C-alpha atoms as a PDB file:
ATOM      1  CA  MET A   1     -82.161-150.693 122.445  1.00  0.00           C
ATOM      2  CA  SER A   2     -79.436-149.185 120.257  1.00  0.00           C
ATOM      3  CA  CYS A   3     -78.600-150.765 116.900  1.00  0.00           C
ATOM      4  CA  TRP A   4     -75.022-150.888 118.193  1.00  0.00           C
ATOM      5  CA  ASP A   5     -76.100-153.534 120.696  1.00  0.00           C
ATOM      6  CA  GLN A   6     -76.242-155.915 117.717  1.00  0.00           C
ATOM      7  CA  ILE A   7     -73.246-154.475 115.866  1.00  0.00           C
ATOM      8  CA  LEU A   8     -70.559-154.275 118.554  1.00  0.00           C
ATOM      9  CA  PRO A   9     -70.330-158.020 119.331  1.00  0.00           C
ATOM     10  CA  ARG A  10     -69.180-158.651 115.737  1.00  0.00           C
ATOM     11  CA  ARG A  11     -65.478-159.538 115.594  1.00  0.00           C
ATOM     12  CA  GLU A  12     -64.539-156.627 113.292  1.00  0.00           C
ATOM     13  CA  TYR A  13     -65.914-154.175 115.884  1.00  0.00           C
ATOM     14  CA  SER A  14     -64.005-155.659 118.802  1.00  0.00           C
ATOM     15  CA  SER A  15     -60.397-154.960 117.847  1.00  0.00           C
ATOM     16  CA  GLU A  16     -57.762-155.155 120.581  1.00  0.00           C
ATOM     17  CA  GLU A  17     -55.181-152.845 119.012  1.00  0.00           C
ATOM     18  CA  PRO A  18     -55.559-149.067 119.417  1.00  0.00           C
ATOM     19  CA  ASP A  19     -56.140-146.852 116.408  1.00  0.00           C
ATOM     20  CA  GLU A  20     -52.837-145.389 115.242  1.00  0.00           C
ATOM     21  CA  PHE A  21     -53.903-141.783 115.735  1.00  0.00           C
ATOM     22  CA  VAL A  22     -55.044-142.574 119.280  1.00  0.00           C
ATOM     23  CA  ALA A  23     -51.701-144.221 120.064  1.00  0.00           C
ATOM     24  CA  SER A  24     -49.911-141.162 118.677  1.00  0.00           C
ATOM     25  CA  SER A  25     -52.101-138.811 120.738  1.00  0.00           C
ATOM     26  CA  ILE A  26     -51.444-140.806 123.909  1.00  0.00           C
ATOM     27  CA  LYS A  27     -47.679-140.333 123.479  1.00  0.00           C
ATOM     28  CA  SER A  28     -48.234-136.587 123.330  1.00  0.00           C
ATOM     29  CA  LEU A  29     -50.505-136.656 126.377  1.00  0.00           C
ATOM     30  CA  LYS A  30     -47.950-138.563 128.447  1.00  0.00           C
ATOM     31  CA  ARG A  31     -45.300-135.967 127.644  1.00  0.00           C
ATOM     32  CA  ARG A  32     -47.675-133.266 128.885  1.00  0.00           C
ATOM     33  CA  ARG A  33     -48.461-135.213 132.086  1.00  0.00           C
ATOM     34  CA  VAL A  34     -52.180-135.378 131.320  1.00  0.00           C
ATOM     35  CA  SER A  35     -54.220-137.421 133.809  1.00  0.00           C
ATOM     36  CA  LYS A  36     -57.970-137.468 133.091  1.00  0.00           C
ATOM     37  CA  ALA A  37     -59.131-138.692 129.675  1.00  0.00           C
ATOM     38  CA  LEU A  38     -62.565-139.276 128.146  1.00  0.00           C
ATOM     39  CA  ASP A  39     -63.261-141.871 125.451  1.00  0.00           C
ATOM     40  CA  LEU A  40     -66.358-140.629 123.636  1.00  0.00           C
ATOM     41  CA  GLY A  41     -68.179-143.633 122.164  1.00  0.00           C
ATOM     42  CA  CYS A  42     -65.957-146.225 123.805  1.00  0.00           C
ATOM     43  CA  GLY A  43     -67.645-149.230 122.173  1.00  0.00           C
ATOM     44  CA  ALA A  44     -66.110-152.529 123.286  1.00  0.00           C
ATOM     45  CA  GLY A  45     -63.385-150.701 125.203  1.00  0.00           C
ATOM     46  CA  ARG A  46     -60.126-151.138 123.283  1.00  0.00           C
ATOM     47  CA  HIS A  47     -59.007-147.550 123.833  1.00  0.00           C
ATOM     48  CA  LEU A  48     -60.203-147.521 127.430  1.00  0.00           C
ATOM     49  CA  ALA A  49     -57.985-150.507 128.181  1.00  0.00           C
ATOM     50  CA  TYR A  50     -55.083-149.010 126.240  1.00  0.00           C
ATOM     51  CA  MET A  51     -55.255-145.691 128.098  1.00  0.00           C
ATOM     52  CA  ALA A  52     -55.738-147.341 131.484  1.00  0.00           C
ATOM     53  CA  ARG A  53     -52.587-149.422 130.876  1.00  0.00           C
ATOM     54  CA  GLN A  54     -50.745-146.163 130.171  1.00  0.00           C
ATOM     55  CA  GLY A  55     -51.704-144.858 133.603  1.00  0.00           C
ATOM     56  CA  PHE A  56     -54.540-142.467 132.742  1.00  0.00           C
ATOM     57  CA  GLN A  57     -57.656-141.933 134.829  1.00  0.00           C
ATOM     58  CA  VAL A  58     -60.062-142.789 132.050  1.00  0.00           C
ATOM     59  CA  CYS A  59     -63.799-142.557 131.557  1.00  0.00           C
ATOM     60  CA  GLY A  60     -65.750-144.117 128.706  1.00  0.00           C
ATOM     61  CA  ILE A  61     -69.252-143.260 127.538  1.00  0.00           C
ATOM     62  CA  ASP A  62     -71.409-145.069 125.018  1.00  0.00           C
ATOM     63  CA  LEU A  63     -75.050-145.185 123.991  1.00  0.00           C
ATOM     64  CA  SER A  64     -74.937-148.985 123.789  1.00  0.00           C
ATOM     65  CA  LEU A  65     -75.379-150.971 126.993  1.00  0.00           C
ATOM     66  CA  THR A  66     -73.819-153.942 125.190  1.00  0.00           C
ATOM     67  CA  GLY A  67     -70.740-151.851 124.470  1.00  0.00           C
ATOM     68  CA  ILE A  68     -70.526-150.754 128.106  1.00  0.00           C
ATOM     69  CA  ASP A  69     -70.791-154.372 129.280  1.00  0.00           C
ATOM     70  CA  MET A  70     -68.134-155.519 126.788  1.00  0.00           C
ATOM     71  CA  ALA A  71     -65.794-152.712 127.858  1.00  0.00           C
ATOM     72  CA  ARG A  72     -66.321-153.547 131.532  1.00  0.00           C
ATOM     73  CA  GLY A  73     -65.490-157.195 130.843  1.00  0.00           C
ATOM     74  CA  LYS A  74     -62.340-156.276 128.910  1.00  0.00           C
ATOM     75  CA  LEU A  75     -61.118-154.067 131.731  1.00  0.00           C
ATOM     76  CA  ARG A  76     -61.867-156.705 134.362  1.00  0.00           C
ATOM     77  CA  GLU A  77     -59.980-159.393 132.415  1.00  0.00           C
ATOM     78  CA  GLN A  78     -56.895-157.162 132.328  1.00  0.00           C
ATOM     79  CA  GLY A  79     -57.139-155.981 135.919  1.00  0.00           C
ATOM     80  CA  LEU A  80     -57.804-152.396 134.844  1.00  0.00           C
ATOM     81  CA  GLU A  81     -60.229-149.727 136.032  1.00  0.00           C
ATOM     82  CA  ALA A  82     -62.264-147.039 134.284  1.00  0.00           C
ATOM     83  CA  LEU A  83     -65.495-145.180 134.867  1.00  0.00           C
ATOM     84  CA  LEU A  84     -68.174-146.324 132.406  1.00  0.00           C
ATOM     85  CA  VAL A  85     -71.330-144.330 131.702  1.00  0.00           C
ATOM     86  CA  LYS A  86     -74.223-145.083 129.344  1.00  0.00           C
ATOM     87  CA  CYS A  87     -75.307-141.770 127.870  1.00  0.00           C
ATOM     88  CA  ASP A  88     -75.754-139.683 124.731  1.00  0.00           C
ATOM     89  CA  MET A  89     -72.623-137.828 123.612  1.00  0.00           C
ATOM     90  CA  LYS A  90     -74.734-134.721 122.979  1.00  0.00           C
ATOM     91  CA  ALA A  91     -75.606-134.485 126.689  1.00  0.00           C
ATOM     92  CA  LEU A  92     -72.598-135.512 128.778  1.00  0.00           C
ATOM     93  CA  PRO A  93     -73.343-135.911 132.518  1.00  0.00           C
ATOM     94  CA  PHE A  94     -70.111-134.237 133.639  1.00  0.00           C
ATOM     95  CA  ILE A  95     -69.203-130.904 135.175  1.00  0.00           C
ATOM     96  CA  ASN A  96     -67.408-128.257 133.141  1.00  0.00           C
ATOM     97  CA  SER A  97     -63.643-128.445 132.572  1.00  0.00           C
ATOM     98  CA  LEU A  98     -63.206-131.976 133.902  1.00  0.00           C
ATOM     99  CA  PHE A  99     -61.069-133.762 131.287  1.00  0.00           C
ATOM    100  CA  ASP A 100     -57.525-133.099 130.102  1.00  0.00           C
ATOM    101  CA  ALA A 101     -58.088-135.094 126.917  1.00  0.00           C
ATOM    102  CA  VAL A 102     -60.992-136.331 124.811  1.00  0.00           C
ATOM    103  CA  ILE A 103     -60.686-138.971 122.119  1.00  0.00           C
ATOM    104  CA  CYS A 104     -63.438-140.085 119.768  1.00  0.00           C
ATOM    105  CA  THR A 105     -62.959-142.733 117.077  1.00  0.00           C
ATOM    106  CA  ARG A 106     -65.435-143.964 114.470  1.00  0.00           C
ATOM    107  CA  THR A 107     -68.316-142.452 116.393  1.00  0.00           C
ATOM    108  CA  ILE A 108     -69.087-138.756 116.075  1.00  0.00           C
ATOM    109  CA  TYR A 109     -70.041-138.968 112.392  1.00  0.00           C
ATOM    110  CA  HIS A 110     -72.964-141.321 113.115  1.00  0.00           C
ATOM    111  CA  GLN A 111     -75.093-138.202 113.566  1.00  0.00           C
ATOM    112  CA  THR A 112     -76.563-135.319 111.614  1.00  0.00           C
ATOM    113  CA  LEU A 113     -74.440-132.210 111.167  1.00  0.00           C
ATOM    114  CA  GLU A 114     -76.382-130.317 113.846  1.00  0.00           C
ATOM    115  CA  GLU A 115     -75.920-133.210 116.286  1.00  0.00           C
ATOM    116  CA  ILE A 116     -72.190-133.191 115.544  1.00  0.00           C
ATOM    117  CA  ARG A 117     -72.126-129.478 116.383  1.00  0.00           C
ATOM    118  CA  GLU A 118     -73.897-130.155 119.679  1.00  0.00           C
ATOM    119  CA  THR A 119     -71.412-132.919 120.501  1.00  0.00           C
ATOM    120  CA  ILE A 120     -68.412-130.681 119.804  1.00  0.00           C
ATOM    121  CA  MET A 121     -69.908-128.023 122.073  1.00  0.00           C
ATOM    122  CA  GLU A 122     -70.223-130.636 124.825  1.00  0.00           C
ATOM    123  CA  ILE A 123     -66.641-131.782 124.278  1.00  0.00           C
ATOM    124  CA  ARG A 124     -65.442-128.210 124.671  1.00  0.00           C
ATOM    125  CA  ARG A 125     -67.572-127.725 127.788  1.00  0.00           C
ATOM    126  CA  VAL A 126     -66.177-130.737 129.676  1.00  0.00           C
ATOM    127  CA  SER A 127     -62.564-130.090 128.625  1.00  0.00           C
ATOM    128  CA  THR A 128     -59.995-128.111 130.589  1.00  0.00           C
ATOM    129  CA  THR A 129     -58.510-124.973 129.039  1.00  0.00           C
ATOM    130  CA  LYS A 130     -55.418-126.892 127.888  1.00  0.00           C
ATOM    131  CA  ALA A 131     -57.120-130.132 126.878  1.00  0.00           C
ATOM    132  CA  LEU A 132     -56.215-132.050 123.742  1.00  0.00           C
ATOM    133  CA  VAL A 133     -59.076-133.321 121.574  1.00  0.00           C
ATOM    134  CA  ALA A 134     -58.543-136.026 118.929  1.00  0.00           C
ATOM    135  CA  ILE A 135     -61.408-137.095 116.647  1.00  0.00           C
ATOM    136  CA  ASP A 136     -61.793-138.781 113.265  1.00  0.00           C
ATOM    137  CA  PHE A 137     -64.415-137.939 110.629  1.00  0.00           C
ATOM    138  CA  LEU A 138     -65.473-139.604 107.383  1.00  0.00           C
ATOM    139  CA  SER A 139     -64.185-137.873 104.260  1.00  0.00           C
ATOM    140  CA  LYS A 140     -66.390-137.349 101.220  1.00  0.00           C
ATOM    141  CA  ARG A 141     -63.625-139.084  99.241  1.00  0.00           C
ATOM    142  CA  THR A 142     -64.146-142.436 100.964  1.00  0.00           C
ATOM    143  CA  TYR A 143     -65.648-145.336  98.992  1.00  0.00           C
ATOM    144  CA  SER A 144     -68.961-145.384 100.888  1.00  0.00           C
ATOM    145  CA  TYR A 145     -69.875-141.748 100.287  1.00  0.00           C
ATOM    146  CA  GLY A 146     -73.314-141.546  98.694  1.00  0.00           C
ATOM    147  CA  SER A 147     -74.408-145.079  99.550  1.00  0.00           C
ATOM    148  CA  GLY A 148     -77.742-145.534 101.288  1.00  0.00           C
ATOM    149  CA  VAL A 149     -80.597-143.067 101.656  1.00  0.00           C
ATOM    150  CA  GLU A 150     -79.675-139.389 101.893  1.00  0.00           C
ATOM    151  CA  VAL A 151     -81.432-137.772 104.874  1.00  0.00           C
ATOM    152  CA  GLU A 152     -79.685-134.418 104.565  1.00  0.00           C
ATOM    153  CA  ARG A 153     -76.721-133.036 102.651  1.00  0.00           C
ATOM    154  CA  ASN A 154     -73.747-135.418 102.922  1.00  0.00           C
ATOM    155  CA  THR A 155     -75.601-137.611 105.452  1.00  0.00           C
ATOM    156  CA  PHE A 156     -76.824-141.095 104.555  1.00  0.00           C
ATOM    157  CA  ILE A 157     -78.452-144.081 106.262  1.00  0.00           C
ATOM    158  CA  GLU A 158     -76.934-147.433 105.301  1.00  0.00           C
ATOM    159  CA  GLN A 159     -79.420-149.833 103.702  1.00  0.00           C
ATOM    160  CA  GLU A 160     -77.316-152.993 103.823  1.00  0.00           C
ATOM    161  CA  GLY A 161     -74.275-154.539 105.464  1.00  0.00           C
ATOM    162  CA  PRO A 162     -73.327-154.689 109.164  1.00  0.00           C
ATOM    163  CA  GLU A 163     -74.230-151.024 109.705  1.00  0.00           C
ATOM    164  CA  LYS A 164     -77.669-151.227 108.119  1.00  0.00           C
ATOM    165  CA  GLY A 165     -79.834-148.459 109.539  1.00  0.00           C
ATOM    166  CA  VAL A 166     -76.849-146.464 110.828  1.00  0.00           C
ATOM    167  CA  LEU A 167     -76.378-142.787 109.980  1.00  0.00           C
ATOM    168  CA  HIS A 168     -73.105-141.632 108.380  1.00  0.00           C
ATOM    169  CA  HIS A 169     -72.130-137.997 107.856  1.00  0.00           C
ATOM    170  CA  PHE A 170     -69.292-137.201 105.442  1.00  0.00           C
ATOM    171  CA  THR A 171     -67.357-133.969 105.624  1.00  0.00           C
ATOM    172  CA  ASP A 172     -64.604-131.846 104.091  1.00  0.00           C
ATOM    173  CA  GLU A 173     -61.877-129.548 105.394  1.00  0.00           C
ATOM    174  CA  LYS A 174     -63.958-126.382 105.094  1.00  0.00           C
ATOM    175  CA  GLU A 175     -66.741-127.804 107.243  1.00  0.00           C
ATOM    176  CA  LEU A 176     -64.285-129.084 109.842  1.00  0.00           C
ATOM    177  CA  LYS A 177     -62.703-125.651 110.171  1.00  0.00           C
ATOM    178  CA  GLU A 178     -66.162-124.224 110.842  1.00  0.00           C
ATOM    179  CA  LEU A 179     -66.976-126.929 113.390  1.00  0.00           C
ATOM    180  CA  PHE A 180     -63.772-126.260 115.335  1.00  0.00           C
ATOM    181  CA  GLU A 181     -63.598-122.478 114.943  1.00  0.00           C
ATOM    182  CA  ALA A 182     -63.953-121.978 118.713  1.00  0.00           C
ATOM    183  CA  PHE A 183     -60.819-124.052 119.456  1.00  0.00           C
ATOM    184  CA  ARG A 184     -57.393-122.434 119.860  1.00  0.00           C
ATOM    185  CA  THR A 185     -55.241-124.740 117.750  1.00  0.00           C
ATOM    186  CA  VAL A 186     -56.628-127.094 115.132  1.00  0.00           C
ATOM    187  CA  ASN A 187     -54.703-129.602 113.020  1.00  0.00           C
ATOM    188  CA  ILE A 188     -56.653-131.275 110.225  1.00  0.00           C
ATOM    189  CA  LYS A 189     -55.071-134.175 108.375  1.00  0.00           C
ATOM    190  CA  LEU A 190     -56.427-136.405 105.625  1.00  0.00           C
ATOM    191  CA  GLN A 191     -55.607-140.094 105.997  1.00  0.00           C
ATOM    192  CA  GLU A 192     -56.203-142.350 102.988  1.00  0.00           C
ATOM    193  CA  ARG A 193     -55.488-145.981 102.142  1.00  0.00           C
ATOM    194  CA  GLU A 194     -56.882-148.948 100.283  1.00  0.00           C
ATOM    195  CA  VAL A 195     -58.199-151.770 102.475  1.00  0.00           C
ATOM    196  CA  ASN A 196     -59.478-154.998 100.941  1.00  0.00           C
ATOM    197  CA  GLY A 197     -59.845-153.285  97.589  1.00  0.00           C
ATOM    198  CA  LYS A 198     -61.819-150.334  99.004  1.00  0.00           C
ATOM    199  CA  PHE A 199     -60.536-146.761  99.093  1.00  0.00           C
ATOM    200  CA  ARG A 200     -60.921-145.421 102.625  1.00  0.00           C
ATOM    201  CA  SER A 201     -60.529-141.752 103.442  1.00  0.00           C
ATOM    202  CA  ARG A 202     -60.957-140.030 106.782  1.00  0.00           C
ATOM    203  CA  TRP A 203     -60.044-136.788 108.490  1.00  0.00           C
ATOM    204  CA  ILE A 204     -58.020-136.769 111.695  1.00  0.00           C
ATOM    205  CA  VAL A 205     -58.635-133.651 113.763  1.00  0.00           C
ATOM    206  CA  THR A 206     -56.500-132.753 116.776  1.00  0.00           C
ATOM    207  CA  ALA A 207     -57.389-129.560 118.584  1.00  0.00           C
ATOM    208  CA  MET A 208     -56.511-127.603 121.696  1.00  0.00           C
ATOM    209  CA  VAL A 209     -59.369-126.166 123.713  1.00  0.00           C
END
């Protein structure tokens, strides 16, 4: 059983509104007449439902069976359809060059750096030659950097709070450029704000395969 089976049912992890960078990416995808999209780490399904309402053929994968069940219920309630698969993002059960777009929010950084590299290689493998990839990463400037037990450089396991026991990797622009060096076009943007008195900082990466 994944620790996310206990985490995802919490209200703060079951938002209905899409992340702003996902909404922005979807507008771009619609202009380009993209059809097949993959939500990597779909959780409770908010982005699956959002993309399905926009007319995309969408697939969602997650390691948590609870997340898959919640996403399926959300889609059913709204009369929407999507393919849902329980699997590890480092070993996607799809053929090469299948998806026109891949989105991944608040997910990929819950791994070691080497696992993140493996995931990015898988994303590139299952993407078409003109696919758009949109992913967020934790910045080393965010308030939670350094909290928990360090398991490798810039990677920590939370020791308290709702994500107790969960791995978090924090990165910088130099590392992101290295991770996406095989992609044709890469846009890296830092997004920062204060939420409930806490300084939050993350990287938004959009890339063309």
